[in-house]
Protein backbone atom coordinates (compact mmCIF):
# COMPACT_ATOMS: atom_id res chain seq x y z
CA MET A 1 7.89 -0.87 14.71
CA LEU A 2 11.30 0.08 13.68
CA GLU A 3 13.50 -2.69 12.70
CA THR A 4 17.18 -2.81 13.67
CA SER A 5 19.76 -4.97 15.41
CA MET A 6 21.10 -1.97 17.45
CA ASP A 7 19.92 -0.81 20.64
CA MET A 8 16.62 1.18 20.02
CA HIS A 9 17.32 3.46 23.03
CA LEU A 10 20.93 4.14 22.28
CA LEU A 11 19.78 4.99 18.96
CA HIS A 12 17.15 7.51 20.26
CA ARG A 13 19.47 9.18 22.57
CA ALA A 14 22.43 9.56 19.88
CA ALA A 15 19.79 10.83 17.56
CA THR A 16 18.11 13.33 19.80
CA ALA A 17 21.35 14.66 21.08
CA TYR A 18 22.67 15.43 17.54
CA TYR A 19 19.47 16.29 15.57
CA LEU A 20 17.50 17.81 18.20
CA ASP A 21 19.95 19.21 20.79
CA GLY A 22 22.59 20.40 18.28
CA LEU A 23 25.55 18.51 19.95
CA ARG A 24 28.65 17.88 17.53
CA GLN A 25 29.44 14.03 17.20
CA ALA A 26 31.98 14.19 19.73
CA GLU A 27 29.87 15.48 22.36
CA VAL A 28 27.30 12.91 21.36
CA ALA A 29 29.88 10.36 22.05
CA ASP A 30 30.46 11.60 25.55
CA ARG A 31 26.81 12.01 26.42
CA VAL A 32 25.68 8.38 25.44
CA GLY A 33 29.05 6.76 26.27
CA VAL A 34 30.26 5.37 22.97
CA SER A 35 33.06 6.06 20.72
CA ARG A 36 33.10 8.84 17.93
CA PRO A 37 32.93 6.28 15.10
CA SER A 38 29.98 4.58 16.74
CA VAL A 39 28.21 7.67 16.95
CA SER A 40 28.38 8.00 13.06
CA LYS A 41 27.01 4.41 12.80
CA LEU A 42 24.20 4.98 15.34
CA LEU A 43 23.19 8.26 13.12
CA ALA A 44 23.16 6.32 10.05
CA GLU A 45 21.13 3.61 11.43
CA ALA A 46 18.64 5.97 12.91
CA ARG A 47 18.16 7.51 9.43
CA ARG A 48 17.95 4.22 7.81
CA ILE A 49 15.17 2.68 9.88
CA GLY A 50 13.21 5.89 9.58
CA MET A 51 13.72 7.08 13.49
CA VAL A 52 15.03 10.30 11.71
CA ARG A 53 13.36 11.70 8.68
CA PHE A 54 14.27 14.60 6.68
CA GLU A 55 11.97 16.39 4.27
CA VAL A 56 12.99 18.86 1.35
CA LEU A 57 9.84 20.79 0.47
CA ASP A 58 8.73 21.11 -3.08
CA VAL A 59 8.52 24.42 -4.64
CA PRO A 60 4.64 24.79 -5.17
CA THR A 61 3.92 24.51 -8.76
CA VAL A 62 0.35 23.26 -8.49
CA ASP A 63 -2.46 23.73 -6.08
CA LEU A 64 -2.93 20.32 -4.85
CA VAL A 65 -6.23 21.05 -3.00
CA GLU A 66 -7.67 22.23 -6.50
CA LEU A 67 -5.90 19.23 -8.32
CA ALA A 68 -7.50 16.75 -5.77
CA SER A 69 -10.77 18.44 -6.07
CA LEU A 70 -10.85 17.94 -9.92
CA LEU A 71 -9.65 14.45 -9.73
CA ARG A 72 -12.30 13.62 -7.14
CA GLU A 73 -15.08 15.11 -9.30
CA VAL A 74 -13.73 13.09 -12.42
CA LEU A 75 -13.48 9.52 -10.63
CA GLY A 76 -16.69 10.02 -8.67
CA ILE A 77 -15.15 8.91 -5.44
CA ALA A 78 -15.36 10.10 -1.99
CA SER A 79 -11.58 11.46 -1.42
CA VAL A 80 -8.50 12.15 -3.26
CA ARG A 81 -5.06 12.85 -1.63
CA ILE A 82 -2.15 13.99 -3.64
CA ALA A 83 1.47 13.80 -2.68
CA PRO A 84 3.73 16.31 -4.58
CA GLY A 85 6.22 15.33 -6.96
CA ASP A 86 7.03 12.19 -8.59
CA GLN A 87 6.47 9.53 -5.99
CA VAL A 88 7.87 6.49 -7.95
CA GLN A 89 11.20 8.17 -8.15
CA ARG A 90 10.84 9.00 -4.32
CA GLY A 91 10.07 5.38 -3.38
CA PHE A 92 6.67 6.38 -2.41
CA ARG A 93 7.54 8.19 0.66
CA GLY A 94 4.73 10.64 0.16
CA ILE A 95 2.24 8.15 -0.78
CA GLY A 96 3.07 6.33 2.64
CA ASP A 97 2.74 9.67 4.45
CA LEU A 98 -0.69 10.30 3.03
CA LEU A 99 -1.70 6.72 3.75
CA ALA A 100 -0.77 7.03 7.41
CA ALA A 101 -3.03 10.25 7.66
CA GLU A 102 -5.81 8.53 6.03
CA LEU A 103 -5.62 5.39 8.34
CA GLY A 104 -5.15 7.72 11.39
CA GLU A 105 -8.56 9.75 10.56
CA LEU A 106 -10.40 6.35 10.45
CA GLU A 107 -9.51 5.74 13.99
CA VAL A 108 -9.46 1.75 13.67
CA GLY A 109 -10.33 0.31 16.93
CA ALA A 110 -9.60 -2.79 18.71
CA GLY A 111 -11.44 -5.95 17.10
CA GLU A 112 -11.89 -3.87 13.63
CA VAL A 113 -10.37 -5.43 10.50
CA VAL A 114 -8.05 -3.70 7.92
CA LEU A 115 -7.59 -5.73 4.61
CA ILE A 116 -4.28 -5.30 2.66
CA SER A 117 -3.53 -6.16 -0.78
CA SER A 118 -0.10 -6.73 -2.62
CA GLY A 119 2.13 -5.00 -5.07
CA GLU A 120 5.16 -2.73 -5.28
CA THR A 121 3.26 0.26 -3.82
CA ILE A 122 1.86 -1.49 -1.14
CA TYR A 123 4.85 -3.22 -0.23
CA ALA A 124 7.02 -0.23 -0.30
CA VAL A 125 4.62 1.93 2.15
CA THR A 126 3.79 -0.92 4.75
CA GLY A 127 7.71 -0.80 5.64
CA MET A 128 7.70 3.01 6.31
CA GLY A 129 7.42 4.71 9.88
CA GLY A 130 4.80 7.01 10.66
CA MET A 131 1.81 4.88 10.59
CA PRO A 132 -1.01 5.27 13.38
CA GLN A 133 -1.26 2.92 16.02
CA MET A 134 -4.09 0.36 15.87
CA PRO A 135 -3.58 -1.88 18.87
CA GLY A 136 -6.18 -5.07 18.96
CA ALA A 137 -6.99 -4.46 15.36
CA PHE A 138 -6.39 -7.06 12.74
CA ILE A 139 -4.30 -6.86 9.47
CA VAL A 140 -5.56 -9.39 6.75
CA PRO A 141 -4.42 -10.19 3.47
CA THR A 142 -6.99 -10.00 0.57
CA VAL A 143 -5.15 -12.60 -1.59
CA GLY A 144 -2.79 -15.59 -1.45
CA GLY A 145 0.62 -15.40 -2.23
CA GLN A 146 2.57 -17.82 -0.20
CA GLN A 147 4.74 -19.22 -2.82
CA GLU A 148 5.50 -15.90 -4.65
CA PRO A 149 9.12 -15.27 -5.50
CA ASP A 150 8.76 -11.49 -5.50
CA PRO A 151 8.58 -10.03 -2.25
CA SER A 152 5.96 -7.26 -3.11
CA PHE A 153 3.57 -10.33 -3.86
CA GLN A 154 4.17 -12.22 -0.58
CA THR A 155 1.08 -10.93 1.04
CA ASN A 156 1.94 -12.47 4.51
CA GLU A 157 5.08 -10.44 4.67
CA THR A 158 3.06 -7.24 3.61
CA VAL A 159 0.60 -8.00 6.48
CA ARG A 160 3.45 -8.54 9.07
CA ARG A 161 5.28 -5.21 7.97
CA LEU A 162 1.99 -3.20 8.42
CA ALA A 163 1.00 -5.04 11.75
CA GLU A 164 4.24 -4.35 13.36
CA ARG A 165 4.25 -0.64 12.25
CA THR A 166 0.50 -0.12 13.76
CA GLY A 167 0.90 -2.29 16.73
CA ALA A 168 -2.07 -4.56 15.23
CA GLN A 169 -2.50 -8.30 15.09
CA PRO A 170 -1.54 -9.98 11.74
CA ARG A 171 -3.46 -12.63 10.23
CA PHE A 172 -1.72 -15.06 7.67
CA LEU A 173 -3.12 -16.95 4.79
CA PHE A 174 -1.26 -19.99 3.99
CA ALA A 175 -2.32 -20.38 0.39
CA PRO A 176 -1.14 -19.51 -3.14
CA ALA A 177 -2.80 -16.95 -4.98
CA LEU A 178 -4.14 -19.41 -7.28
CA THR A 179 -5.05 -22.79 -6.41
CA SER A 180 -5.75 -26.17 -8.11
CA PRO A 181 -9.41 -27.33 -7.90
CA SER A 182 -8.62 -29.90 -5.66
CA LEU A 183 -6.67 -27.61 -3.20
CA TRP A 184 -9.39 -25.11 -3.55
CA ALA A 185 -11.96 -27.72 -2.24
CA SER A 186 -9.59 -28.62 0.77
CA LEU A 187 -9.12 -25.07 1.57
CA GLN A 188 -12.83 -24.37 1.72
CA ALA A 189 -13.15 -27.05 4.51
CA ASP A 190 -9.97 -25.98 6.40
CA PRO A 191 -10.69 -24.34 9.73
CA GLY A 192 -7.36 -22.19 9.44
CA PHE A 193 -8.11 -20.84 6.17
CA ARG A 194 -11.78 -20.11 6.81
CA SER A 195 -10.77 -18.21 10.05
CA VAL A 196 -8.77 -15.71 7.94
CA VAL A 197 -11.30 -15.37 4.90
CA ASP A 198 -13.99 -15.04 7.15
CA LEU A 199 -12.63 -11.76 8.40
CA TRP A 200 -13.05 -10.39 4.80
CA ASP A 201 -16.93 -9.72 5.71
CA GLY A 202 -17.51 -6.85 7.74
CA ALA A 203 -14.05 -5.31 7.36
CA ARG A 204 -13.62 -1.84 8.52
CA ALA A 205 -11.19 -0.74 5.91
CA ALA A 206 -8.83 -1.86 3.01
CA VAL A 207 -5.83 -0.77 1.54
CA VAL A 208 -5.37 -1.82 -2.13
CA GLY A 209 -3.18 -1.13 -5.12
CA ILE A 210 -4.40 -0.48 -8.82
CA GLY A 211 -2.40 -2.80 -11.27
CA ALA A 212 -1.22 -1.16 -14.46
CA PRO A 213 -2.73 -2.15 -17.95
CA TYR A 214 -1.95 -5.84 -18.41
CA ARG A 215 -0.39 -5.41 -21.99
CA ASP A 216 2.07 -2.80 -20.61
CA ARG A 217 2.76 -4.51 -17.11
CA THR A 218 6.16 -5.07 -15.90
CA SER A 219 5.24 -6.28 -12.45
CA LEU A 220 2.69 -9.26 -12.38
CA THR A 221 2.01 -12.00 -9.67
CA SER A 222 3.33 -15.26 -11.00
CA VAL A 223 0.12 -17.02 -11.19
CA VAL A 224 -1.24 -14.64 -13.85
CA PRO A 225 -0.60 -15.89 -17.41
CA ARG A 226 1.65 -13.43 -19.32
CA HIS A 227 -0.25 -13.77 -22.62
CA GLU A 228 -3.60 -14.52 -21.86
CA PRO A 229 -5.98 -13.42 -24.61
CA THR A 230 -8.94 -12.80 -22.34
CA LEU A 231 -6.71 -10.26 -20.52
CA GLU A 232 -5.33 -8.26 -23.46
CA ASN A 233 -7.91 -5.44 -22.96
CA ALA A 234 -7.37 -5.38 -19.04
CA ALA A 235 -7.15 -1.80 -17.99
CA GLY A 236 -5.83 -2.99 -14.60
CA ASP A 237 -6.58 -4.96 -11.51
CA ILE A 238 -7.60 -4.70 -7.90
CA CYS A 239 -7.18 -7.74 -5.70
CA LEU A 240 -6.58 -9.91 -8.78
CA HIS A 241 -10.04 -8.74 -10.07
CA PHE A 242 -9.00 -7.70 -13.70
CA PHE A 243 -11.30 -5.28 -15.28
CA ASP A 244 -11.67 -3.59 -18.85
CA ALA A 245 -11.69 0.41 -19.53
CA ASP A 246 -15.46 0.28 -18.67
CA GLY A 247 -14.86 -1.15 -15.19
CA VAL A 248 -16.18 -4.48 -16.32
CA THR A 249 -14.73 -7.66 -14.82
CA LEU A 250 -12.64 -10.01 -16.88
CA THR A 251 -11.75 -13.48 -16.13
CA PHE A 252 -9.21 -15.97 -17.38
CA PRO A 253 -9.19 -19.80 -17.42
CA GLY A 254 -8.78 -21.02 -13.76
CA SER A 255 -9.38 -17.66 -12.32
CA GLU A 256 -12.36 -19.07 -10.23
CA PHE A 257 -9.42 -20.51 -8.05
CA LEU A 258 -7.97 -17.45 -7.27
CA VAL A 259 -7.71 -16.81 -3.53
CA ARG A 260 -9.20 -13.28 -3.28
CA PRO A 261 -12.46 -11.65 -1.82
CA PRO A 262 -15.57 -11.51 -3.91
CA LEU A 263 -16.40 -8.33 -5.54
CA GLU A 264 -19.77 -7.75 -3.62
CA THR A 265 -17.22 -7.96 -0.39
CA LEU A 266 -14.86 -5.47 -1.51
CA ARG A 267 -17.58 -3.18 -2.45
CA ALA A 268 -19.31 -3.46 1.08
CA ILE A 269 -16.20 -2.40 2.73
CA PRO A 270 -16.80 1.16 3.93
CA SER A 271 -13.46 2.76 3.46
CA THR A 272 -11.24 1.44 0.72
CA ILE A 273 -7.94 3.41 -0.13
CA ALA A 274 -6.41 2.68 -3.33
CA LEU A 275 -2.67 3.72 -3.96
CA ALA A 276 -1.52 4.30 -7.47
CA ALA A 277 1.37 6.23 -8.75
CA GLY A 278 3.07 6.37 -12.19
CA ARG A 279 1.52 7.95 -15.44
CA GLU A 280 0.94 4.48 -17.09
CA LYS A 281 -1.63 3.91 -14.56
CA ALA A 282 -3.88 6.83 -15.44
CA PRO A 283 -6.23 4.46 -17.52
CA SER A 284 -6.05 1.92 -14.70
CA ILE A 285 -7.27 4.49 -12.24
CA ARG A 286 -10.03 5.79 -14.36
CA ALA A 287 -11.41 2.34 -15.16
CA GLY A 288 -10.88 1.21 -11.54
CA ALA A 289 -13.02 3.84 -10.19
CA LYS A 290 -15.91 2.65 -12.48
CA THR A 291 -15.74 -0.71 -10.75
CA GLY A 292 -16.69 0.48 -7.38
CA LEU A 293 -13.81 -1.09 -5.54
CA PHE A 294 -12.34 2.05 -3.98
CA THR A 295 -13.65 4.99 -2.06
CA SER A 296 -10.23 6.92 -1.76
CA LEU A 297 -7.31 7.41 -3.90
CA VAL A 298 -3.65 8.32 -2.81
CA THR A 299 -1.54 9.30 -5.81
CA ASP A 300 1.06 11.84 -6.96
CA VAL A 301 1.00 14.90 -8.97
CA PRO A 302 2.04 13.42 -12.25
CA THR A 303 -0.22 10.71 -12.09
CA ALA A 304 -3.24 13.01 -11.28
CA GLU A 305 -2.43 15.15 -14.01
CA ALA A 306 -2.24 11.97 -16.42
CA VAL A 307 -5.74 10.97 -15.36
CA LEU A 308 -7.20 14.44 -15.93
CA LEU A 309 -5.53 14.83 -19.42
CA GLU A 310 -6.93 11.46 -20.12
CA ALA A 311 -10.18 12.47 -19.19
CA GLY A 312 -10.33 15.63 -21.28
CA VAL A 313 -10.15 17.89 -18.24
CA ASP A 314 -7.87 21.18 -18.25
CA LEU A 315 -5.38 20.93 -15.64
CA PRO A 316 -5.38 23.81 -12.90
CA SER A 317 -3.25 27.22 -14.12
């Protein structure tokens, strides 16, 4: 769902007249019955909320199909989609488009559950237009995060954004990412909490991020200690499950009280789409594939090439 305080129908009429019918702004003003300055504001708002989108096509420099095929073989997963260019610099727009295509092909139906994790990439793409409609489906968070100061780790907000754009029903977790032992015990007996986490079992799909190596990480949920010796060799994390370069799970003191799905629950999901962009995530992606926690990867060209180079694979010419 597009978010704006302006009249949605008026925005659509103005945008259609200007961009599709080719009218000048003065003519648009006459057609929709507003002033000329108002037309400029309407068109700017239509662009801001994603009602109007522009695309500048990249000059092909690499065969995306061949690159995706090589990466899929190296990682040993079912599917790889690669967006052109550097998606970090582009605000993950191409990643969002490919996620929309992936979700659309799943044809998620009413009553089915899609899990969503947290992080910068996930937060960015859930605010984009173009997502497939999933009326009657449930969008459910994979981790707690009620008290996070960084919006990208406020999982309920991420759930709300994706639900609004897909027509699905949001389900919220009113719990921090890391609990105390006493709060953990209370939550296990809380019907509201259980009604959400019980949806983890049997989920149709999940959308997760892949965290960068722990030592070099600039974005990290506040509940994970910054200088924890047991995580020094962590190549990354998925849904707050940290792992080393071999895909072996790592723990830290108190991690048993993290609000997150168990590993076996995540591995049982038929379709888990991992989103990752940034060359620094090359070791995280390789290690993450070894965990068996995702079946599909959506990334960009620089990241894909970095993964292949790290694996010792020659890039397509």
